[in-house]
Amino acid sequence: MEELFTQQVYQVVRLIPKGKISTYGAIAKAVGYPNHSRQVGHAMGVCPKDVPAHRVISSSGKLSVPSFRERLKNENVVVQENGKIKDFKKLFWDPLNEI
């Protein structure tokens, strides 16, 4: 199951449009495992380069990996000094509603 789960996570994350963000929990729900947000985070930590892991953040709207700040900035996503995404709700991409 682990490999299938990981590949499904990557497929969903690849669908997140530039300039949008989603959460570990939303991705977990989209692949049918709503209580597996930590596993999504783990998958993001070892994902291939073509998976935009920088677009996946915590449900609190906070950037989990500070080094992704620049990549988000290049997509016109503003990360505030405290690490929170400005306009989180406006930028949130919910895979359950979008795919």
PDB file of N, CA and C in Angstrom:
ATOM      1  N   MET A   1       0.822  -1.205   0.000  1.00  0.00           N
ATOM      2  CA  MET A   1       0.000   0.000   0.000  1.00  0.00           C
ATOM      3  C   MET A   1       0.861   1.262   0.000  1.00  0.00           C
ATOM      4  N   GLU A   2       1.991   1.220   0.661  1.00  0.00           N
ATOM      5  CA  GLU A   2       2.802   2.425   0.805  1.00  0.00           C
ATOM      6  C   GLU A   2       3.199   3.028  -0.541  1.00  0.00           C
ATOM      7  N   GLU A   3       3.645   2.207  -1.470  1.00  0.00           N
ATOM      8  CA  GLU A   3       4.062   2.721  -2.784  1.00  0.00           C
ATOM      9  C   GLU A   3       2.866   3.279  -3.546  1.00  0.00           C
ATOM     10  N   LEU A   4       1.738   2.600  -3.501  1.00  0.00           N
ATOM     11  CA  LEU A   4       0.529   3.082  -4.178  1.00  0.00           C
ATOM     12  C   LEU A   4       0.088   4.415  -3.575  1.00  0.00           C
ATOM     13  N   PHE A   5       0.061   4.500  -2.255  1.00  0.00           N
ATOM     14  CA  PHE A   5      -0.296   5.737  -1.565  1.00  0.00           C
ATOM     15  C   PHE A   5       0.615   6.879  -2.012  1.00  0.00           C
ATOM     16  N   THR A   6       1.909   6.627  -2.002  1.00  0.00           N
ATOM     17  CA  THR A   6       2.886   7.654  -2.373  1.00  0.00           C
ATOM     18  C   THR A   6       2.668   8.122  -3.808  1.00  0.00           C
ATOM     19  N   GLN A   7       2.458   7.206  -4.717  1.00  0.00           N
ATOM     20  CA  GLN A   7       2.248   7.578  -6.122  1.00  0.00           C
ATOM     21  C   GLN A   7       0.951   8.372  -6.294  1.00  0.00           C
ATOM     22  N   GLN A   8      -0.091   8.008  -5.547  1.00  0.00           N
ATOM     23  CA  GLN A   8      -1.344   8.765  -5.609  1.00  0.00           C
ATOM     24  C   GLN A   8      -1.144  10.181  -5.069  1.00  0.00           C
ATOM     25  N   VAL A   9      -0.388  10.302  -3.992  1.00  0.00           N
ATOM     26  CA  VAL A   9      -0.088  11.621  -3.430  1.00  0.00           C
ATOM     27  C   VAL A   9       0.628  12.468  -4.486  1.00  0.00           C
ATOM     28  N   TYR A  10       1.632  11.906  -5.131  1.00  0.00           N
ATOM     29  CA  TYR A  10       2.379  12.653  -6.149  1.00  0.00           C
ATOM     30  C   TYR A  10       1.473  13.082  -7.302  1.00  0.00           C
ATOM     31  N   GLN A  11       0.571  12.211  -7.708  1.00  0.00           N
ATOM     32  CA  GLN A  11      -0.347  12.547  -8.797  1.00  0.00           C
ATOM     33  C   GLN A  11      -1.212  13.758  -8.431  1.00  0.00           C
ATOM     34  N   VAL A  12      -1.738  13.762  -7.225  1.00  0.00           N
ATOM     35  CA  VAL A  12      -2.589  14.874  -6.789  1.00  0.00           C
ATOM     36  C   VAL A  12      -1.774  16.156  -6.662  1.00  0.00           C
ATOM     37  N   VAL A  13      -0.618  16.077  -6.055  1.00  0.00           N
ATOM     38  CA  VAL A  13       0.203  17.277  -5.846  1.00  0.00           C
ATOM     39  C   VAL A  13       0.622  17.879  -7.185  1.00  0.00           C
ATOM     40  N   ARG A  14       0.875  17.059  -8.176  1.00  0.00           N
ATOM     41  CA  ARG A  14       1.233  17.581  -9.509  1.00  0.00           C
ATOM     42  C   ARG A  14       0.103  18.403 -10.125  1.00  0.00           C
ATOM     43  N   LEU A  15      -1.121  18.211  -9.658  1.00  0.00           N
ATOM     44  CA  LEU A  15      -2.278  18.944 -10.192  1.00  0.00           C
ATOM     45  C   LEU A  15      -2.458  20.340  -9.572  1.00  0.00           C
ATOM     46  N   ILE A  16      -1.770  20.618  -8.473  1.00  0.00           N
ATOM     47  CA  ILE A  16      -1.927  21.922  -7.817  1.00  0.00           C
ATOM     48  C   ILE A  16      -1.380  22.995  -8.762  1.00  0.00           C
ATOM     49  N   PRO A  17      -2.214  23.951  -9.153  1.00  0.00           N
ATOM     50  CA  PRO A  17      -1.754  24.986 -10.090  1.00  0.00           C
ATOM     51  C   PRO A  17      -0.720  25.927  -9.466  1.00  0.00           C
ATOM     52  N   LYS A  18       0.107  26.507 -10.311  1.00  0.00           N
ATOM     53  CA  LYS A  18       1.047  27.524  -9.843  1.00  0.00           C
ATOM     54  C   LYS A  18       0.254  28.637  -9.181  1.00  0.00           C
ATOM     55  N   GLY A  19       0.802  29.151  -8.092  1.00  0.00           N
ATOM     56  CA  GLY A  19       0.141  30.236  -7.383  1.00  0.00           C
ATOM     57  C   GLY A  19      -0.929  29.783  -6.407  1.00  0.00           C
ATOM     58  N   LYS A  20      -1.127  28.487  -6.284  1.00  0.00           N
ATOM     59  CA  LYS A  20      -2.098  27.927  -5.348  1.00  0.00           C
ATOM     60  C   LYS A  20      -1.364  27.051  -4.342  1.00  0.00           C
ATOM     61  N   ILE A  21      -2.004  26.766  -3.224  1.00  0.00           N
ATOM     62  CA  ILE A  21      -1.433  25.901  -2.205  1.00  0.00           C
ATOM     63  C   ILE A  21      -2.507  24.929  -1.723  1.00  0.00           C
ATOM     64  N   SER A  22      -2.041  23.818  -1.186  1.00  0.00           N
ATOM     65  CA  SER A  22      -2.947  22.856  -0.568  1.00  0.00           C
ATOM     66  C   SER A  22      -2.301  22.419   0.739  1.00  0.00           C
ATOM     67  N   THR A  23      -2.964  21.534   1.451  1.00  0.00           N
ATOM     68  CA  THR A  23      -2.447  21.093   2.742  1.00  0.00           C
ATOM     69  C   THR A  23      -2.193  19.589   2.732  1.00  0.00           C
ATOM     70  N   TYR A  24      -1.356  19.168   3.677  1.00  0.00           N
ATOM     71  CA  TYR A  24      -1.080  17.739   3.819  1.00  0.00           C
ATOM     72  C   TYR A  24      -2.375  16.968   4.045  1.00  0.00           C
ATOM     73  N   GLY A  25      -3.234  17.511   4.883  1.00  0.00           N
ATOM     74  CA  GLY A  25      -4.500  16.854   5.185  1.00  0.00           C
ATOM     75  C   GLY A  25      -5.433  16.769   3.994  1.00  0.00           C
ATOM     76  N   ALA A  26      -5.501  17.829   3.213  1.00  0.00           N
ATOM     77  CA  ALA A  26      -6.366  17.826   2.030  1.00  0.00           C
ATOM     78  C   ALA A  26      -5.897  16.803   1.007  1.00  0.00           C
ATOM     79  N   ILE A  27      -4.588  16.684   0.866  1.00  0.00           N
ATOM     80  CA  ILE A  27      -4.044  15.687  -0.063  1.00  0.00           C
ATOM     81  C   ILE A  27      -4.356  14.284   0.459  1.00  0.00           C
ATOM     82  N   ALA A  28      -4.185  14.071   1.759  1.00  0.00           N
ATOM     83  CA  ALA A  28      -4.484  12.760   2.349  1.00  0.00           C
ATOM     84  C   ALA A  28      -5.948  12.378   2.125  1.00  0.00           C
ATOM     85  N   LYS A  29      -6.849  13.319   2.341  1.00  0.00           N
ATOM     86  CA  LYS A  29      -8.277  13.055   2.109  1.00  0.00           C
ATOM     87  C   LYS A  29      -8.532  12.712   0.652  1.00  0.00           C
ATOM     88  N   ALA A  30      -7.877  13.431  -0.250  1.00  0.00           N
ATOM     89  CA  ALA A  30      -8.108  13.232  -1.681  1.00  0.00           C
ATOM     90  C   ALA A  30      -7.706  11.841  -2.150  1.00  0.00           C
ATOM     91  N   VAL A  31      -6.732  11.236  -1.483  1.00  0.00           N
ATOM     92  CA  VAL A  31      -6.315   9.892  -1.891  1.00  0.00           C
ATOM     93  C   VAL A  31      -6.976   8.805  -1.043  1.00  0.00           C
ATOM     94  N   GLY A  32      -7.925   9.215  -0.199  1.00  0.00           N
ATOM     95  CA  GLY A  32      -8.719   8.251   0.545  1.00  0.00           C
ATOM     96  C   GLY A  32      -8.202   7.866   1.917  1.00  0.00           C
ATOM     97  N   TYR A  33      -7.230   8.611   2.431  1.00  0.00           N
ATOM     98  CA  TYR A  33      -6.670   8.315   3.748  1.00  0.00           C
ATOM     99  C   TYR A  33      -6.644   9.596   4.587  1.00  0.00           C
ATOM    100  N   PRO A  34      -7.800  10.019   5.087  1.00  0.00           N
ATOM    101  CA  PRO A  34      -7.899  11.318   5.758  1.00  0.00           C
ATOM    102  C   PRO A  34      -7.035  11.489   7.002  1.00  0.00           C
ATOM    103  N   ASN A  35      -6.599  10.412   7.607  1.00  0.00           N
ATOM    104  CA  ASN A  35      -5.779  10.519   8.819  1.00  0.00           C
ATOM    105  C   ASN A  35      -4.290  10.323   8.543  1.00  0.00           C
ATOM    106  N   HIS A  36      -3.888  10.490   7.305  1.00  0.00           N
ATOM    107  CA  HIS A  36      -2.500  10.223   6.929  1.00  0.00           C
ATOM    108  C   HIS A  36      -1.739  11.472   6.471  1.00  0.00           C
ATOM    109  N   SER A  37      -2.030  12.612   7.061  1.00  0.00           N
ATOM    110  CA  SER A  37      -1.338  13.836   6.644  1.00  0.00           C
ATOM    111  C   SER A  37       0.169  13.761   6.911  1.00  0.00           C
ATOM    112  N   ARG A  38       0.572  13.111   7.978  1.00  0.00           N
ATOM    113  CA  ARG A  38       2.013  12.965   8.258  1.00  0.00           C
ATOM    114  C   ARG A  38       2.703  12.143   7.174  1.00  0.00           C
ATOM    115  N   GLN A  39       2.009  11.131   6.686  1.00  0.00           N
ATOM    116  CA  GLN A  39       2.573  10.308   5.618  1.00  0.00           C
ATOM    117  C   GLN A  39       2.700  11.117   4.329  1.00  0.00           C
ATOM    118  N   VAL A  40       1.762  12.030   4.101  1.00  0.00           N
ATOM    119  CA  VAL A  40       1.870  12.925   2.944  1.00  0.00           C
ATOM    120  C   VAL A  40       3.115  13.793   3.109  1.00  0.00           C
ATOM    121  N   GLY A  41       3.317  14.302   4.312  1.00  0.00           N
ATOM    122  CA  GLY A  41       4.509  15.105   4.582  1.00  0.00           C
ATOM    123  C   GLY A  41       5.783  14.317   4.326  1.00  0.00           C
ATOM    124  N   HIS A  42       5.795  13.075   4.743  1.00  0.00           N
ATOM    125  CA  HIS A  42       6.962  12.228   4.495  1.00  0.00           C
ATOM    126  C   HIS A  42       7.182  12.051   2.990  1.00  0.00           C
ATOM    127  N   ALA A  43       6.097  11.792   2.260  1.00  0.00           N
ATOM    128  CA  ALA A  43       6.205  11.623   0.807  1.00  0.00           C
ATOM    129  C   ALA A  43       6.745  12.892   0.147  1.00  0.00           C
ATOM    130  N   MET A  44       6.342  14.055   0.668  1.00  0.00           N
ATOM    131  CA  MET A  44       6.839  15.310   0.105  1.00  0.00           C
ATOM    132  C   MET A  44       8.339  15.473   0.361  1.00  0.00           C
ATOM    133  N   GLY A  45       8.801  14.904   1.461  1.00  0.00           N
ATOM    134  CA  GLY A  45      10.217  15.012   1.799  1.00  0.00           C
ATOM    135  C   GLY A  45      11.140  14.211   0.908  1.00  0.00           C
ATOM    136  N   VAL A  46      10.578  13.249   0.198  1.00  0.00           N
ATOM    137  CA  VAL A  46      11.400  12.396  -0.668  1.00  0.00           C
ATOM    138  C   VAL A  46      10.865  12.360  -2.105  1.00  0.00           C
ATOM    139  N   CYS A  47      10.116  13.367  -2.477  1.00  0.00           N
ATOM    140  CA  CYS A  47       9.456  13.337  -3.789  1.00  0.00           C
ATOM    141  C   CYS A  47      10.411  13.687  -4.936  1.00  0.00           C
ATOM    142  N   PRO A  48      10.049  13.237  -6.145  1.00  0.00           N
ATOM    143  CA  PRO A  48      10.829  13.587  -7.327  1.00  0.00           C
ATOM    144  C   PRO A  48      10.739  15.093  -7.598  1.00  0.00           C
ATOM    145  N   LYS A  49      11.668  15.591  -8.381  1.00  0.00           N
ATOM    146  CA  LYS A  49      11.738  17.033  -8.664  1.00  0.00           C
ATOM    147  C   LYS A  49      10.515  17.570  -9.403  1.00  0.00           C
ATOM    148  N   ASP A  50       9.790  16.707 -10.114  1.00  0.00           N
ATOM    149  CA  ASP A  50       8.627  17.179 -10.860  1.00  0.00           C
ATOM    150  C   ASP A  50       7.377  17.307  -9.997  1.00  0.00           C
ATOM    151  N   VAL A  51       7.489  17.000  -8.715  1.00  0.00           N
ATOM    152  CA  VAL A  51       6.363  17.136  -7.780  1.00  0.00           C
ATOM    153  C   VAL A  51       6.551  18.450  -7.017  1.00  0.00           C
ATOM    154  N   PRO A  52       5.607  19.393  -7.159  1.00  0.00           N
ATOM    155  CA  PRO A  52       5.756  20.711  -6.516  1.00  0.00           C
ATOM    156  C   PRO A  52       5.452  20.689  -5.020  1.00  0.00           C
ATOM    157  N   ALA A  53       6.339  20.070  -4.261  1.00  0.00           N
ATOM    158  CA  ALA A  53       6.142  19.909  -2.815  1.00  0.00           C
ATOM    159  C   ALA A  53       6.007  21.252  -2.104  1.00  0.00           C
ATOM    160  N   HIS A  54       6.561  22.303  -2.677  1.00  0.00           N
ATOM    161  CA  HIS A  54       6.492  23.630  -2.048  1.00  0.00           C
ATOM    162  C   HIS A  54       5.064  24.166  -1.976  1.00  0.00           C
ATOM    163  N   ARG A  55       4.151  23.592  -2.721  1.00  0.00           N
ATOM    164  CA  ARG A  55       2.753  24.038  -2.720  1.00  0.00           C
ATOM    165  C   ARG A  55       1.917  23.338  -1.657  1.00  0.00           C
ATOM    166  N   VAL A  56       2.519  22.463  -0.869  1.00  0.00           N
ATOM    167  CA  VAL A  56       1.801  21.733   0.177  1.00  0.00           C
ATOM    168  C   VAL A  56       2.283  22.245   1.529  1.00  0.00           C
ATOM    169  N   ILE A  57       1.331  22.741   2.329  1.00  0.00           N
ATOM    170  CA  ILE A  57       1.669  23.361   3.605  1.00  0.00           C
ATOM    171  C   ILE A  57       0.807  22.780   4.722  1.00  0.00           C
ATOM    172  N   SER A  58       1.044  23.239   5.931  1.00  0.00           N
ATOM    173  CA  SER A  58       0.252  22.756   7.065  1.00  0.00           C
ATOM    174  C   SER A  58      -1.155  23.355   7.028  1.00  0.00           C
ATOM    175  N   SER A  59      -2.074  22.723   7.728  1.00  0.00           N
ATOM    176  CA  SER A  59      -3.463  23.188   7.746  1.00  0.00           C
ATOM    177  C   SER A  59      -3.627  24.533   8.450  1.00  0.00           C
ATOM    178  N   SER A  60      -2.641  24.936   9.212  1.00  0.00           N
ATOM    179  CA  SER A  60      -2.692  26.241   9.877  1.00  0.00           C
ATOM    180  C   SER A  60      -2.315  27.370   8.925  1.00  0.00           C
ATOM    181  N   GLY A  61      -1.938  27.017   7.696  1.00  0.00           N
ATOM    182  CA  GLY A  61      -1.545  28.028   6.719  1.00  0.00           C
ATOM    183  C   GLY A  61      -0.088  28.416   6.812  1.00  0.00           C
ATOM    184  N   LYS A  62       0.661  27.627   7.556  1.00  0.00           N
ATOM    185  CA  LYS A  62       2.071  27.940   7.769  1.00  0.00           C
ATOM    186  C   LYS A  62       2.965  27.053   6.905  1.00  0.00           C
ATOM    187  N   LEU A  63       3.993  27.680   6.378  1.00  0.00           N
ATOM    188  CA  LEU A  63       4.972  26.977   5.563  1.00  0.00           C
ATOM    189  C   LEU A  63       5.778  26.035   6.447  1.00  0.00           C
ATOM    190  N   SER A  64       5.813  24.766   6.096  1.00  0.00           N
ATOM    191  CA  SER A  64       6.510  23.771   6.907  1.00  0.00           C
ATOM    192  C   SER A  64       8.005  23.708   6.598  1.00  0.00           C
ATOM    193  N   VAL A  65       8.368  24.054   5.380  1.00  0.00           N
ATOM    194  CA  VAL A  65       9.770  24.000   4.951  1.00  0.00           C
ATOM    195  C   VAL A  65      10.192  25.417   4.552  1.00  0.00           C
ATOM    196  N   PRO A  66      10.933  26.102   5.416  1.00  0.00           N
ATOM    197  CA  PRO A  66      11.309  27.495   5.136  1.00  0.00           C
ATOM    198  C   PRO A  66      12.020  27.701   3.800  1.00  0.00           C
ATOM    199  N   SER A  67      12.750  26.699   3.340  1.00  0.00           N
ATOM    200  CA  SER A  67      13.473  26.866   2.073  1.00  0.00           C
ATOM    201  C   SER A  67      12.533  26.946   0.862  1.00  0.00           C
ATOM    202  N   PHE A  68      11.249  26.631   1.056  1.00  0.00           N
ATOM    203  CA  PHE A  68      10.286  26.735  -0.047  1.00  0.00           C
ATOM    204  C   PHE A  68       9.766  28.155  -0.234  1.00  0.00           C
ATOM    205  N   ARG A  69      10.111  29.054   0.660  1.00  0.00           N
ATOM    206  CA  ARG A  69       9.636  30.442   0.598  1.00  0.00           C
ATOM    207  C   ARG A  69       9.927  31.074  -0.764  1.00  0.00           C
ATOM    208  N   GLU A  70      11.136  30.910  -1.250  1.00  0.00           N
ATOM    209  CA  GLU A  70      11.536  31.532  -2.515  1.00  0.00           C
ATOM    210  C   GLU A  70      10.766  30.949  -3.695  1.00  0.00           C
ATOM    211  N   ARG A  71      10.561  29.647  -3.677  1.00  0.00           N
ATOM    212  CA  ARG A  71       9.809  29.021  -4.775  1.00  0.00           C
ATOM    213  C   ARG A  71       8.369  29.534  -4.809  1.00  0.00           C
ATOM    214  N   LEU A  72       7.762  29.707  -3.641  1.00  0.00           N
ATOM    215  CA  LEU A  72       6.401  30.248  -3.582  1.00  0.00           C
ATOM    216  C   LEU A  72       6.387  31.711  -4.016  1.00  0.00           C
ATOM    217  N   LYS A  73       7.381  32.455  -3.601  1.00  0.00           N
ATOM    218  CA  LYS A  73       7.486  33.864  -4.004  1.00  0.00           C
ATOM    219  C   LYS A  73       7.535  33.976  -5.528  1.00  0.00           C
ATOM    220  N   ASN A  74       8.238  33.061  -6.178  1.00  0.00           N
ATOM    221  CA  ASN A  74       8.322  33.058  -7.642  1.00  0.00           C
ATOM    222  C   ASN A  74       6.986  32.768  -8.299  1.00  0.00           C
ATOM    223  N   GLU A  75       6.036  32.245  -7.533  1.00  0.00           N
ATOM    224  CA  GLU A  75       4.693  31.969  -8.034  1.00  0.00           C
ATOM    225  C   GLU A  75       3.694  33.005  -7.513  1.00  0.00           C
ATOM    226  N   ASN A  76       4.213  34.113  -7.002  1.00  0.00           N
ATOM    227  CA  ASN A  76       3.405  35.222  -6.469  1.00  0.00           C
ATOM    228  C   ASN A  76       2.587  34.846  -5.235  1.00  0.00           C
ATOM    229  N   VAL A  77       3.085  33.892  -4.467  1.00  0.00           N
ATOM    230  CA  VAL A  77       2.477  33.541  -3.185  1.00  0.00           C
ATOM    231  C   VAL A  77       3.306  34.243  -2.114  1.00  0.00           C
ATOM    232  N   VAL A  78       2.643  35.043  -1.290  1.00  0.00           N
ATOM    233  CA  VAL A  78       3.340  35.816  -0.269  1.00  0.00           C
ATOM    234  C   VAL A  78       3.399  35.021   1.036  1.00  0.00           C
ATOM    235  N   VAL A  79       4.627  34.829   1.517  1.00  0.00           N
ATOM    236  CA  VAL A  79       4.843  34.183   2.807  1.00  0.00           C
ATOM    237  C   VAL A  79       5.248  35.292   3.776  1.00  0.00           C
ATOM    238  N   GLN A  80       4.460  35.467   4.816  1.00  0.00           N
ATOM    239  CA  GLN A  80       4.707  36.519   5.790  1.00  0.00           C
ATOM    240  C   GLN A  80       5.917  36.160   6.663  1.00  0.00           C
ATOM    241  N   GLU A  81       6.380  37.130   7.433  1.00  0.00           N
ATOM    242  CA  GLU A  81       7.536  36.933   8.306  1.00  0.00           C
ATOM    243  C   GLU A  81       7.365  35.747   9.256  1.00  0.00           C
ATOM    244  N   ASN A  82       6.156  35.529   9.726  1.00  0.00           N
ATOM    245  CA  ASN A  82       5.901  34.430  10.670  1.00  0.00           C
ATOM    246  C   ASN A  82       5.752  33.074   9.976  1.00  0.00           C
ATOM    247  N   GLY A  83       5.948  33.051   8.661  1.00  0.00           N
ATOM    248  CA  GLY A  83       5.867  31.805   7.904  1.00  0.00           C
ATOM    249  C   GLY A  83       4.486  31.463   7.400  1.00  0.00           C
ATOM    250  N   LYS A  84       3.505  32.291   7.719  1.00  0.00           N
ATOM    251  CA  LYS A  84       2.136  32.023   7.254  1.00  0.00           C
ATOM    252  C   LYS A  84       1.945  32.551   5.831  1.00  0.00           C
ATOM    253  N   ILE A  85       1.104  31.844   5.105  1.00  0.00           N
ATOM    254  CA  ILE A  85       0.772  32.239   3.741  1.00  0.00           C
ATOM    255  C   ILE A  85      -0.271  33.341   3.795  1.00  0.00           C
ATOM    256  N   LYS A  86       0.025  34.462   3.162  1.00  0.00           N
ATOM    257  CA  LYS A  86      -0.947  35.554   3.093  1.00  0.00           C
ATOM    258  C   LYS A  86      -2.066  35.114   2.155  1.00  0.00           C
ATOM    259  N   ASP A  87      -3.293  35.390   2.555  1.00  0.00           N
ATOM    260  CA  ASP A  87      -4.480  35.015   1.772  1.00  0.00           C
ATOM    261  C   ASP A  87      -4.594  33.498   1.610  1.00  0.00           C
ATOM    262  N   PHE A  88      -4.272  32.775   2.675  1.00  0.00           N
ATOM    263  CA  PHE A  88      -4.304  31.314   2.657  1.00  0.00           C
ATOM    264  C   PHE A  88      -5.625  30.774   2.113  1.00  0.00           C
ATOM    265  N   LYS A  89      -6.742  31.269   2.634  1.00  0.00           N
ATOM    266  CA  LYS A  89      -8.054  30.746   2.209  1.00  0.00           C
ATOM    267  C   LYS A  89      -8.326  31.036   0.737  1.00  0.00           C
ATOM    268  N   LYS A  90      -7.872  32.161   0.277  1.00  0.00           N
ATOM    269  CA  LYS A  90      -8.077  32.545  -1.130  1.00  0.00           C
ATOM    270  C   LYS A  90      -7.224  31.677  -2.069  1.00  0.00           C
ATOM    271  N   LEU A  91      -6.043  31.317  -1.624  1.00  0.00           N
ATOM    272  CA  LEU A  91      -5.117  30.542  -2.450  1.00  0.00           C
ATOM    273  C   LEU A  91      -5.277  29.034  -2.298  1.00  0.00           C
ATOM    274  N   PHE A  92      -6.081  28.614  -1.316  1.00  0.00           N
ATOM    275  CA  PHE A  92      -6.217  27.188  -1.028  1.00  0.00           C
ATOM    276  C   PHE A  92      -6.865  26.447  -2.193  1.00  0.00           C
ATOM    277  N   TRP A  93      -6.217  25.380  -2.602  1.00  0.00           N
ATOM    278  CA  TRP A  93      -6.708  24.503  -3.662  1.00  0.00           C
ATOM    279  C   TRP A  93      -7.123  23.192  -3.009  1.00  0.00           C
ATOM    280  N   ASP A  94      -8.423  22.915  -3.016  1.00  0.00           N
ATOM    281  CA  ASP A  94      -8.948  21.708  -2.391  1.00  0.00           C
ATOM    282  C   ASP A  94      -9.127  20.637  -3.455  1.00  0.00           C
ATOM    283  N   PRO A  95      -8.308  19.599  -3.414  1.00  0.00           N
ATOM    284  CA  PRO A  95      -8.412  18.571  -4.455  1.00  0.00           C
ATOM    285  C   PRO A  95      -9.770  17.892  -4.521  1.00  0.00           C
ATOM    286  N   LEU A  96     -10.470  17.816  -3.389  1.00  0.00           N
ATOM    287  CA  LEU A  96     -11.791  17.178  -3.416  1.00  0.00           C
ATOM    288  C   LEU A  96     -12.797  17.993  -4.229  1.00  0.00           C
ATOM    289  N   ASN A  97     -12.581  19.292  -4.327  1.00  0.00           N
ATOM    290  CA  ASN A  97     -13.464  20.149  -5.120  1.00  0.00           C
ATOM    291  C   ASN A  97     -12.942  20.391  -6.536  1.00  0.00           C
ATOM    292  N   GLU A  98     -11.658  20.192  -6.737  1.00  0.00           N
ATOM    293  CA  GLU A  98     -11.033  20.565  -7.999  1.00  0.00           C
ATOM    294  C   GLU A  98     -10.820  19.412  -8.969  1.00  0.00           C
ATOM    295  N   ILE A  99     -10.784  18.181  -8.447  1.00  0.00           N
ATOM    296  CA  ILE A  99     -10.551  17.049  -9.375  1.00  0.00           C
ATOM    297  C   ILE A  99     -11.709  16.067  -9.301  1.00  0.00           C
TER     298      ILE A  99
END
